[in-house]
Amino acid sequence: MVQLVPYEEQYKERLKQFYQPAEALKYTQLPEYSIEEINDNVHGVVIINQNQTIGFFLLHRTDRRFQYTDDNQPLLLTNLIMDHSYSGKGHGKQYIYKLEI
């Protein structure tokens, strides 16, 4: 079962261990760099499956979201990354269904 939990320091070391092939890093960045963007308007979310940290993404409440919509309610999801060993196994789909934004 996939869980989405707010980022906390306890996840930092595991997220720093994430591996991605160079090809994948053309489209996202490793969590250790994304974590630096977290603030009052940018929230880190950790994806957990069976007590294993398997993914991470950011949710923005910044003006950046208005590049894509005029609606004030949506959040912008960025920097999605799954640890490579969990990629292609449907975990991403599960977390999308769990989002209740």
PDB file of N, CA and C in Angstrom:
ATOM      1  N   MET A   1       0.828  -1.181   0.000  1.00  0.00           N
ATOM      2  CA  MET A   1       0.000   0.000   0.000  1.00  0.00           C
ATOM      3  C   MET A   1       0.878   1.252   0.000  1.00  0.00           C
ATOM      4  N   VAL A   2       0.601   2.146  -0.897  1.00  0.00           N
ATOM      5  CA  VAL A   2       1.383   3.372  -1.031  1.00  0.00           C
ATOM      6  C   VAL A   2       0.855   4.431  -0.071  1.00  0.00           C
ATOM      7  N   GLN A   3       1.781   5.118   0.592  1.00  0.00           N
ATOM      8  CA  GLN A   3       1.436   6.233   1.469  1.00  0.00           C
ATOM      9  C   GLN A   3       2.164   7.477   0.990  1.00  0.00           C
ATOM     10  N   LEU A   4       1.513   8.622   1.135  1.00  0.00           N
ATOM     11  CA  LEU A   4       2.132   9.909   0.866  1.00  0.00           C
ATOM     12  C   LEU A   4       2.263  10.619   2.197  1.00  0.00           C
ATOM     13  N   VAL A   5       3.490  11.002   2.555  1.00  0.00           N
ATOM     14  CA  VAL A   5       3.709  11.660   3.843  1.00  0.00           C
ATOM     15  C   VAL A   5       4.518  12.932   3.633  1.00  0.00           C
ATOM     16  N   PRO A   6       4.275  13.950   4.463  1.00  0.00           N
ATOM     17  CA  PRO A   6       5.067  15.172   4.346  1.00  0.00           C
ATOM     18  C   PRO A   6       6.544  14.879   4.602  1.00  0.00           C
ATOM     19  N   TYR A   7       7.402  15.565   3.865  1.00  0.00           N
ATOM     20  CA  TYR A   7       8.841  15.395   4.051  1.00  0.00           C
ATOM     21  C   TYR A   7       9.230  15.824   5.460  1.00  0.00           C
ATOM     22  N   GLU A   8      10.071  15.026   6.091  1.00  0.00           N
ATOM     23  CA  GLU A   8      10.698  15.342   7.369  1.00  0.00           C
ATOM     24  C   GLU A   8      12.159  14.939   7.264  1.00  0.00           C
ATOM     25  N   GLU A   9      12.979  15.513   8.120  1.00  0.00           N
ATOM     26  CA  GLU A   9      14.424  15.250   8.094  1.00  0.00           C
ATOM     27  C   GLU A   9      14.748  13.759   8.179  1.00  0.00           C
ATOM     28  N   GLN A  10      13.907  12.980   8.831  1.00  0.00           N
ATOM     29  CA  GLN A  10      14.188  11.549   8.990  1.00  0.00           C
ATOM     30  C   GLN A  10      14.303  10.826   7.648  1.00  0.00           C
ATOM     31  N   TYR A  11      13.754  11.406   6.577  1.00  0.00           N
ATOM     32  CA  TYR A  11      13.799  10.774   5.252  1.00  0.00           C
ATOM     33  C   TYR A  11      15.010  11.207   4.430  1.00  0.00           C
ATOM     34  N   LYS A  12      15.723  12.204   4.891  1.00  0.00           N
ATOM     35  CA  LYS A  12      16.784  12.817   4.088  1.00  0.00           C
ATOM     36  C   LYS A  12      17.864  11.822   3.654  1.00  0.00           C
ATOM     37  N   GLU A  13      18.369  11.034   4.572  1.00  0.00           N
ATOM     38  CA  GLU A  13      19.458  10.110   4.232  1.00  0.00           C
ATOM     39  C   GLU A  13      19.020   9.087   3.195  1.00  0.00           C
ATOM     40  N   ARG A  14      17.827   8.548   3.340  1.00  0.00           N
ATOM     41  CA  ARG A  14      17.342   7.569   2.349  1.00  0.00           C
ATOM     42  C   ARG A  14      17.167   8.224   0.989  1.00  0.00           C
ATOM     43  N   LEU A  15      16.612   9.436   0.959  1.00  0.00           N
ATOM     44  CA  LEU A  15      16.417  10.128  -0.316  1.00  0.00           C
ATOM     45  C   LEU A  15      17.755  10.433  -0.988  1.00  0.00           C
ATOM     46  N   LYS A  16      18.779  10.673  -0.202  1.00  0.00           N
ATOM     47  CA  LYS A  16      20.110  10.938  -0.765  1.00  0.00           C
ATOM     48  C   LYS A  16      20.705   9.689  -1.418  1.00  0.00           C
ATOM     49  N   GLN A  17      20.171   8.533  -1.087  1.00  0.00           N
ATOM     50  CA  GLN A  17      20.668   7.272  -1.648  1.00  0.00           C
ATOM     51  C   GLN A  17      19.987   6.902  -2.962  1.00  0.00           C
ATOM     52  N   PHE A  18      18.973   7.658  -3.367  1.00  0.00           N
ATOM     53  CA  PHE A  18      18.254   7.328  -4.599  1.00  0.00           C
ATOM     54  C   PHE A  18      19.216   7.267  -5.775  1.00  0.00           C
ATOM     55  N   TYR A  19      18.989   6.276  -6.626  1.00  0.00           N
ATOM     56  CA  TYR A  19      19.783   6.135  -7.847  1.00  0.00           C
ATOM     57  C   TYR A  19      18.887   6.375  -9.052  1.00  0.00           C
ATOM     58  N   GLN A  20      19.420   7.080 -10.021  1.00  0.00           N
ATOM     59  CA  GLN A  20      18.763   7.265 -11.316  1.00  0.00           C
ATOM     60  C   GLN A  20      19.832   7.205 -12.395  1.00  0.00           C
ATOM     61  N   PRO A  21      19.563   6.525 -13.500  1.00  0.00           N
ATOM     62  CA  PRO A  21      20.509   6.554 -14.616  1.00  0.00           C
ATOM     63  C   PRO A  21      20.571   7.971 -15.183  1.00  0.00           C
ATOM     64  N   ALA A  22      21.674   8.295 -15.803  1.00  0.00           N
ATOM     65  CA  ALA A  22      21.883   9.643 -16.350  1.00  0.00           C
ATOM     66  C   ALA A  22      20.751  10.060 -17.280  1.00  0.00           C
ATOM     67  N   GLU A  23      20.228   9.140 -18.061  1.00  0.00           N
ATOM     68  CA  GLU A  23      19.139   9.452 -18.996  1.00  0.00           C
ATOM     69  C   GLU A  23      17.925  10.020 -18.262  1.00  0.00           C
ATOM     70  N   ALA A  24      17.579   9.441 -17.126  1.00  0.00           N
ATOM     71  CA  ALA A  24      16.414   9.905 -16.358  1.00  0.00           C
ATOM     72  C   ALA A  24      16.644  11.285 -15.764  1.00  0.00           C
ATOM     73  N   LEU A  25      17.879  11.617 -15.457  1.00  0.00           N
ATOM     74  CA  LEU A  25      18.175  12.905 -14.830  1.00  0.00           C
ATOM     75  C   LEU A  25      18.060  14.074 -15.798  1.00  0.00           C
ATOM     76  N   LYS A  26      17.777  13.786 -17.064  1.00  0.00           N
ATOM     77  CA  LYS A  26      17.475  14.859 -18.015  1.00  0.00           C
ATOM     78  C   LYS A  26      16.109  15.460 -17.709  1.00  0.00           C
ATOM     79  N   TYR A  27      15.245  14.699 -17.028  1.00  0.00           N
ATOM     80  CA  TYR A  27      13.856  15.089 -16.823  1.00  0.00           C
ATOM     81  C   TYR A  27      13.513  15.446 -15.377  1.00  0.00           C
ATOM     82  N   THR A  28      14.369  15.137 -14.457  1.00  0.00           N
ATOM     83  CA  THR A  28      14.121  15.430 -13.048  1.00  0.00           C
ATOM     84  C   THR A  28      15.460  15.602 -12.356  1.00  0.00           C
ATOM     85  N   GLN A  29      15.425  15.891 -11.073  1.00  0.00           N
ATOM     86  CA  GLN A  29      16.667  15.980 -10.316  1.00  0.00           C
ATOM     87  C   GLN A  29      16.561  15.086  -9.091  1.00  0.00           C
ATOM     88  N   LEU A  30      17.693  14.730  -8.550  1.00  0.00           N
ATOM     89  CA  LEU A  30      17.701  13.875  -7.376  1.00  0.00           C
ATOM     90  C   LEU A  30      17.071  14.603  -6.188  1.00  0.00           C
ATOM     91  N   PRO A  31      16.427  13.861  -5.288  1.00  0.00           N
ATOM     92  CA  PRO A  31      15.740  14.485  -4.157  1.00  0.00           C
ATOM     93  C   PRO A  31      16.636  15.360  -3.292  1.00  0.00           C
ATOM     94  N   GLU A  32      17.908  15.012  -3.173  1.00  0.00           N
ATOM     95  CA  GLU A  32      18.777  15.809  -2.304  1.00  0.00           C
ATOM     96  C   GLU A  32      18.836  17.267  -2.756  1.00  0.00           C
ATOM     97  N   TYR A  33      18.625  17.535  -4.035  1.00  0.00           N
ATOM     98  CA  TYR A  33      18.603  18.911  -4.533  1.00  0.00           C
ATOM     99  C   TYR A  33      17.203  19.511  -4.417  1.00  0.00           C
ATOM    100  N   SER A  34      16.188  18.708  -4.631  1.00  0.00           N
ATOM    101  CA  SER A  34      14.805  19.187  -4.520  1.00  0.00           C
ATOM    102  C   SER A  34      14.477  19.612  -3.094  1.00  0.00           C
ATOM    103  N   ILE A  35      15.022  18.914  -2.126  1.00  0.00           N
ATOM    104  CA  ILE A  35      14.769  19.218  -0.719  1.00  0.00           C
ATOM    105  C   ILE A  35      15.123  20.665  -0.404  1.00  0.00           C
ATOM    106  N   GLU A  36      16.143  21.182  -1.068  1.00  0.00           N
ATOM    107  CA  GLU A  36      16.583  22.558  -0.827  1.00  0.00           C
ATOM    108  C   GLU A  36      15.522  23.581  -1.219  1.00  0.00           C
ATOM    109  N   GLU A  37      14.555  23.199  -2.042  1.00  0.00           N
ATOM    110  CA  GLU A  37      13.505  24.111  -2.486  1.00  0.00           C
ATOM    111  C   GLU A  37      12.336  24.206  -1.504  1.00  0.00           C
ATOM    112  N   ILE A  38      12.282  23.321  -0.519  1.00  0.00           N
ATOM    113  CA  ILE A  38      11.151  23.288   0.410  1.00  0.00           C
ATOM    114  C   ILE A  38      11.109  24.566   1.243  1.00  0.00           C
ATOM    115  N   ASN A  39       9.910  25.154   1.315  1.00  0.00           N
ATOM    116  CA  ASN A  39       9.667  26.334   2.151  1.00  0.00           C
ATOM    117  C   ASN A  39       8.173  26.387   2.466  1.00  0.00           C
ATOM    118  N   ASP A  40       7.682  27.533   2.919  1.00  0.00           N
ATOM    119  CA  ASP A  40       6.264  27.634   3.291  1.00  0.00           C
ATOM    120  C   ASP A  40       5.313  27.414   2.118  1.00  0.00           C
ATOM    121  N   ASN A  41       5.786  27.641   0.896  1.00  0.00           N
ATOM    122  CA  ASN A  41       4.931  27.508  -0.286  1.00  0.00           C
ATOM    123  C   ASN A  41       5.312  26.348  -1.197  1.00  0.00           C
ATOM    124  N   VAL A  42       6.360  25.649  -0.859  1.00  0.00           N
ATOM    125  CA  VAL A  42       6.798  24.470  -1.618  1.00  0.00           C
ATOM    126  C   VAL A  42       6.938  23.329  -0.611  1.00  0.00           C
ATOM    127  N   HIS A  43       6.118  22.312  -0.781  1.00  0.00           N
ATOM    128  CA  HIS A  43       6.047  21.226   0.187  1.00  0.00           C
ATOM    129  C   HIS A  43       6.626  19.943  -0.398  1.00  0.00           C
ATOM    130  N   GLY A  44       7.486  19.292   0.346  1.00  0.00           N
ATOM    131  CA  GLY A  44       8.025  18.006  -0.056  1.00  0.00           C
ATOM    132  C   GLY A  44       7.095  16.888   0.373  1.00  0.00           C
ATOM    133  N   VAL A  45       6.932  15.904  -0.503  1.00  0.00           N
ATOM    134  CA  VAL A  45       6.088  14.747  -0.201  1.00  0.00           C
ATOM    135  C   VAL A  45       6.904  13.486  -0.485  1.00  0.00           C
ATOM    136  N   VAL A  46       6.913  12.587   0.469  1.00  0.00           N
ATOM    137  CA  VAL A  46       7.646  11.328   0.360  1.00  0.00           C
ATOM    138  C   VAL A  46       6.650  10.219   0.033  1.00  0.00           C
ATOM    139  N   ILE A  47       7.035   9.364  -0.907  1.00  0.00           N
ATOM    140  CA  ILE A  47       6.208   8.217  -1.290  1.00  0.00           C
ATOM    141  C   ILE A  47       6.782   6.987  -0.592  1.00  0.00           C
ATOM    142  N   ILE A  48       5.925   6.311   0.165  1.00  0.00           N
ATOM    143  CA  ILE A  48       6.351   5.145   0.934  1.00  0.00           C
ATOM    144  C   ILE A  48       5.506   3.949   0.513  1.00  0.00           C
ATOM    145  N   ASN A  49       6.170   2.817   0.338  1.00  0.00           N
ATOM    146  CA  ASN A  49       5.480   1.568   0.019  1.00  0.00           C
ATOM    147  C   ASN A  49       6.039   0.477   0.927  1.00  0.00           C
ATOM    148  N   GLN A  50       5.181  -0.145   1.693  1.00  0.00           N
ATOM    149  CA  GLN A  50       5.582  -1.207   2.620  1.00  0.00           C
ATOM    150  C   GLN A  50       6.766  -0.770   3.479  1.00  0.00           C
ATOM    151  N   ASN A  51       6.648   0.397   4.066  1.00  0.00           N
ATOM    152  CA  ASN A  51       7.653   0.981   4.962  1.00  0.00           C
ATOM    153  C   ASN A  51       8.978   1.306   4.279  1.00  0.00           C
ATOM    154  N   GLN A  52       9.011   1.333   2.958  1.00  0.00           N
ATOM    155  CA  GLN A  52      10.211   1.698   2.209  1.00  0.00           C
ATOM    156  C   GLN A  52       9.992   3.043   1.528  1.00  0.00           C
ATOM    157  N   THR A  53      10.957   3.939   1.644  1.00  0.00           N
ATOM    158  CA  THR A  53      10.897   5.222   0.953  1.00  0.00           C
ATOM    159  C   THR A  53      11.272   4.972  -0.499  1.00  0.00           C
ATOM    160  N   ILE A  54      10.301   5.178  -1.412  1.00  0.00           N
ATOM    161  CA  ILE A  54      10.533   4.819  -2.810  1.00  0.00           C
ATOM    162  C   ILE A  54      10.438   6.002  -3.768  1.00  0.00           C
ATOM    163  N   GLY A  55       9.924   7.147  -3.294  1.00  0.00           N
ATOM    164  CA  GLY A  55       9.764   8.278  -4.203  1.00  0.00           C
ATOM    165  C   GLY A  55       9.619   9.590  -3.464  1.00  0.00           C
ATOM    166  N   PHE A  56       9.603  10.660  -4.263  1.00  0.00           N
ATOM    167  CA  PHE A  56       9.555  12.008  -3.701  1.00  0.00           C
ATOM    168  C   PHE A  56       9.042  12.958  -4.768  1.00  0.00           C
ATOM    169  N   PHE A  57       8.332  14.003  -4.347  1.00  0.00           N
ATOM    170  CA  PHE A  57       7.956  15.083  -5.253  1.00  0.00           C
ATOM    171  C   PHE A  57       7.700  16.350  -4.461  1.00  0.00           C
ATOM    172  N   LEU A  58       7.587  17.458  -5.176  1.00  0.00           N
ATOM    173  CA  LEU A  58       7.282  18.751  -4.576  1.00  0.00           C
ATOM    174  C   LEU A  58       5.903  19.208  -5.007  1.00  0.00           C
ATOM    175  N   LEU A  59       5.188  19.858  -4.103  1.00  0.00           N
ATOM    176  CA  LEU A  59       3.927  20.522  -4.408  1.00  0.00           C
ATOM    177  C   LEU A  59       4.119  22.012  -4.158  1.00  0.00           C
ATOM    178  N   HIS A  60       3.830  22.814  -5.182  1.00  0.00           N
ATOM    179  CA  HIS A  60       4.036  24.265  -5.115  1.00  0.00           C
ATOM    180  C   HIS A  60       2.718  25.006  -4.952  1.00  0.00           C
ATOM    181  N   ARG A  61       2.727  25.986  -4.064  1.00  0.00           N
ATOM    182  CA  ARG A  61       1.651  26.976  -3.965  1.00  0.00           C
ATOM    183  C   ARG A  61       2.205  28.327  -4.412  1.00  0.00           C
ATOM    184  N   THR A  62       3.153  28.316  -5.278  1.00  0.00           N
ATOM    185  CA  THR A  62       3.813  29.538  -5.733  1.00  0.00           C
ATOM    186  C   THR A  62       3.153  30.048  -7.008  1.00  0.00           C
ATOM    187  N   ASP A  63       3.554  31.233  -7.425  1.00  0.00           N
ATOM    188  CA  ASP A  63       3.024  31.797  -8.670  1.00  0.00           C
ATOM    189  C   ASP A  63       3.421  30.972  -9.889  1.00  0.00           C
ATOM    190  N   ARG A  64       4.384  30.120  -9.730  1.00  0.00           N
ATOM    191  CA  ARG A  64       4.813  29.264 -10.844  1.00  0.00           C
ATOM    192  C   ARG A  64       3.644  28.454 -11.411  1.00  0.00           C
ATOM    193  N   ARG A  65       2.685  28.102 -10.572  1.00  0.00           N
ATOM    194  CA  ARG A  65       1.538  27.305 -11.037  1.00  0.00           C
ATOM    195  C   ARG A  65       0.693  28.054 -12.052  1.00  0.00           C
ATOM    196  N   PHE A  66       0.756  29.389 -12.027  1.00  0.00           N
ATOM    197  CA  PHE A  66      -0.060  30.180 -12.950  1.00  0.00           C
ATOM    198  C   PHE A  66       0.478  30.160 -14.379  1.00  0.00           C
ATOM    199  N   GLN A  67       1.618  29.526 -14.576  1.00  0.00           N
ATOM    200  CA  GLN A  67       2.100  29.277 -15.936  1.00  0.00           C
ATOM    201  C   GLN A  67       1.192  28.256 -16.626  1.00  0.00           C
ATOM    202  N   TYR A  68       0.439  27.500 -15.837  1.00  0.00           N
ATOM    203  CA  TYR A  68      -0.351  26.391 -16.365  1.00  0.00           C
ATOM    204  C   TYR A  68      -1.855  26.557 -16.172  1.00  0.00           C
ATOM    205  N   THR A  69      -2.275  27.457 -15.271  1.00  0.00           N
ATOM    206  CA  THR A  69      -3.702  27.645 -14.994  1.00  0.00           C
ATOM    207  C   THR A  69      -3.944  29.020 -14.383  1.00  0.00           C
ATOM    208  N   ASP A  70      -5.161  29.500 -14.526  1.00  0.00           N
ATOM    209  CA  ASP A  70      -5.565  30.743 -13.872  1.00  0.00           C
ATOM    210  C   ASP A  70      -6.302  30.462 -12.565  1.00  0.00           C
ATOM    211  N   ASP A  71      -6.613  29.216 -12.329  1.00  0.00           N
ATOM    212  CA  ASP A  71      -7.342  28.808 -11.133  1.00  0.00           C
ATOM    213  C   ASP A  71      -6.437  28.967  -9.906  1.00  0.00           C
ATOM    214  N   ASN A  72      -6.967  29.505  -8.823  1.00  0.00           N
ATOM    215  CA  ASN A  72      -6.178  29.724  -7.607  1.00  0.00           C
ATOM    216  C   ASN A  72      -6.021  28.478  -6.739  1.00  0.00           C
ATOM    217  N   GLN A  73      -6.828  27.455  -6.968  1.00  0.00           N
ATOM    218  CA  GLN A  73      -6.833  26.283  -6.095  1.00  0.00           C
ATOM    219  C   GLN A  73      -5.718  25.265  -6.364  1.00  0.00           C
ATOM    220  N   PRO A  74      -5.396  24.962  -7.610  1.00  0.00           N
ATOM    221  CA  PRO A  74      -4.455  23.867  -7.862  1.00  0.00           C
ATOM    222  C   PRO A  74      -3.059  24.100  -7.286  1.00  0.00           C
ATOM    223  N   LEU A  75      -2.424  23.000  -7.012  1.00  0.00           N
ATOM    224  CA  LEU A  75      -1.015  22.993  -6.655  1.00  0.00           C
ATOM    225  C   LEU A  75      -0.256  22.464  -7.861  1.00  0.00           C
ATOM    226  N   LEU A  76       0.986  22.862  -7.984  1.00  0.00           N
ATOM    227  CA  LEU A  76       1.835  22.385  -9.069  1.00  0.00           C
ATOM    228  C   LEU A  76       2.724  21.269  -8.540  1.00  0.00           C
ATOM    229  N   LEU A  77       2.676  20.126  -9.185  1.00  0.00           N
ATOM    230  CA  LEU A  77       3.507  18.993  -8.809  1.00  0.00           C
ATOM    231  C   LEU A  77       4.758  19.012  -9.677  1.00  0.00           C
ATOM    232  N   THR A  78       5.944  19.002  -9.036  1.00  0.00           N
ATOM    233  CA  THR A  78       7.211  18.980  -9.774  1.00  0.00           C
ATOM    234  C   THR A  78       8.180  18.003  -9.116  1.00  0.00           C
ATOM    235  N   ASN A  79       9.281  17.815  -9.780  1.00  0.00           N
ATOM    236  CA  ASN A  79      10.417  17.068  -9.247  1.00  0.00           C
ATOM    237  C   ASN A  79      10.058  15.652  -8.798  1.00  0.00           C
ATOM    238  N   LEU A  80       9.116  15.039  -9.492  1.00  0.00           N
ATOM    239  CA  LEU A  80       8.747  13.660  -9.175  1.00  0.00           C
ATOM    240  C   LEU A  80       9.912  12.744  -9.513  1.00  0.00           C
ATOM    241  N   ILE A  81      10.268  11.928  -8.547  1.00  0.00           N
ATOM    242  CA  ILE A  81      11.312  10.939  -8.795  1.00  0.00           C
ATOM    243  C   ILE A  81      11.014   9.691  -7.970  1.00  0.00           C
ATOM    244  N   MET A  82      11.183   8.560  -8.609  1.00  0.00           N
ATOM    245  CA  MET A  82      11.076   7.271  -7.931  1.00  0.00           C
ATOM    246  C   MET A  82      12.481   6.677  -7.921  1.00  0.00           C
ATOM    247  N   ASP A  83      12.847   6.030  -6.831  1.00  0.00           N
ATOM    248  CA  ASP A  83      14.117   5.329  -6.826  1.00  0.00           C
ATOM    249  C   ASP A  83      14.094   4.329  -7.983  1.00  0.00           C
ATOM    250  N   HIS A  84      15.174   4.259  -8.724  1.00  0.00           N
ATOM    251  CA  HIS A  84      15.203   3.468  -9.955  1.00  0.00           C
ATOM    252  C   HIS A  84      14.761   2.016  -9.736  1.00  0.00           C
ATOM    253  N   SER A  85      15.092   1.447  -8.602  1.00  0.00           N
ATOM    254  CA  SER A  85      14.724   0.044  -8.358  1.00  0.00           C
ATOM    255  C   SER A  85      13.210  -0.151  -8.238  1.00  0.00           C
ATOM    256  N   TYR A  86      12.456   0.941  -8.077  1.00  0.00           N
ATOM    257  CA  TYR A  86      10.996   0.857  -7.985  1.00  0.00           C
ATOM    258  C   TYR A  86      10.304   1.374  -9.243  1.00  0.00           C
ATOM    259  N   SER A  87      11.056   1.874 -10.189  1.00  0.00           N
ATOM    260  CA  SER A  87      10.470   2.415 -11.421  1.00  0.00           C
ATOM    261  C   SER A  87       9.849   1.305 -12.260  1.00  0.00           C
ATOM    262  N   GLY A  88       8.756   1.644 -12.946  1.00  0.00           N
ATOM    263  CA  GLY A  88       8.118   0.701 -13.857  1.00  0.00           C
ATOM    264  C   GLY A  88       7.292  -0.374 -13.183  1.00  0.00           C
ATOM    265  N   LYS A  89       6.973  -0.195 -11.901  1.00  0.00           N
ATOM    266  CA  LYS A  89       6.220  -1.215 -11.171  1.00  0.00           C
ATOM    267  C   LYS A  89       4.832  -0.738 -10.758  1.00  0.00           C
ATOM    268  N   GLY A  90       4.400   0.398 -11.307  1.00  0.00           N
ATOM    269  CA  GLY A  90       3.051   0.881 -11.029  1.00  0.00           C
ATOM    270  C   GLY A  90       2.895   1.718  -9.778  1.00  0.00           C
ATOM    271  N   HIS A  91       3.980   1.966  -9.050  1.00  0.00           N
ATOM    272  CA  HIS A  91       3.873   2.749  -7.821  1.00  0.00           C
ATOM    273  C   HIS A  91       3.464   4.190  -8.115  1.00  0.00           C
ATOM    274  N   GLY A  92       3.947   4.745  -9.207  1.00  0.00           N
ATOM    275  CA  GLY A  92       3.589   6.113  -9.584  1.00  0.00           C
ATOM    276  C   GLY A  92       2.089   6.257  -9.786  1.00  0.00           C
ATOM    277  N   LYS A  93       1.491   5.294 -10.458  1.00  0.00           N
ATOM    278  CA  LYS A  93       0.036   5.318 -10.669  1.00  0.00           C
ATOM    279  C   LYS A  93      -0.697   5.278  -9.333  1.00  0.00           C
ATOM    280  N   GLN A  94      -0.219   4.440  -8.436  1.00  0.00           N
ATOM    281  CA  GLN A  94      -0.869   4.329  -7.131  1.00  0.00           C
ATOM    282  C   GLN A  94      -0.845   5.662  -6.395  1.00  0.00           C
ATOM    283  N   TYR A  95       0.279   6.361  -6.447  1.00  0.00           N
ATOM    284  CA  TYR A  95       0.355   7.613  -5.700  1.00  0.00           C
ATOM    285  C   TYR A  95      -0.522   8.676  -6.345  1.00  0.00           C
ATOM    286  N   ILE A  96      -0.628   8.693  -7.673  1.00  0.00           N
ATOM    287  CA  ILE A  96      -1.497   9.669  -8.346  1.00  0.00           C
ATOM    288  C   ILE A  96      -2.935   9.489  -7.857  1.00  0.00           C
ATOM    289  N   TYR A  97      -3.361   8.247  -7.718  1.00  0.00           N
ATOM    290  CA  TYR A  97      -4.721   7.984  -7.245  1.00  0.00           C
ATOM    291  C   TYR A  97      -4.906   8.383  -5.782  1.00  0.00           C
ATOM    292  N   LYS A  98      -3.814   8.422  -5.021  1.00  0.00           N
ATOM    293  CA  LYS A  98      -3.902   8.790  -3.607  1.00  0.00           C
ATOM    294  C   LYS A  98      -3.974  10.296  -3.397  1.00  0.00           C
ATOM    295  N   LEU A  99      -3.533  11.073  -4.380  1.00  0.00           N
ATOM    296  CA  LEU A  99      -3.544  12.528  -4.222  1.00  0.00           C
ATOM    297  C   LEU A  99      -4.972  13.034  -4.095  1.00  0.00           C
ATOM    298  N   GLU A 100      -5.214  13.784  -3.079  1.00  0.00           N
ATOM    299  CA  GLU A 100      -6.535  14.383  -2.868  1.00  0.00           C
ATOM    300  C   GLU A 100      -6.339  15.879  -2.736  1.00  0.00           C
ATOM    301  N   ILE A 101      -5.970  16.483  -3.822  1.00  0.00           N
ATOM    302  CA  ILE A 101      -5.649  17.913  -3.813  1.00  0.00           C
ATOM    303  C   ILE A 101      -6.860  18.699  -4.242  1.00  0.00           C
TER     304      ILE A 101
END
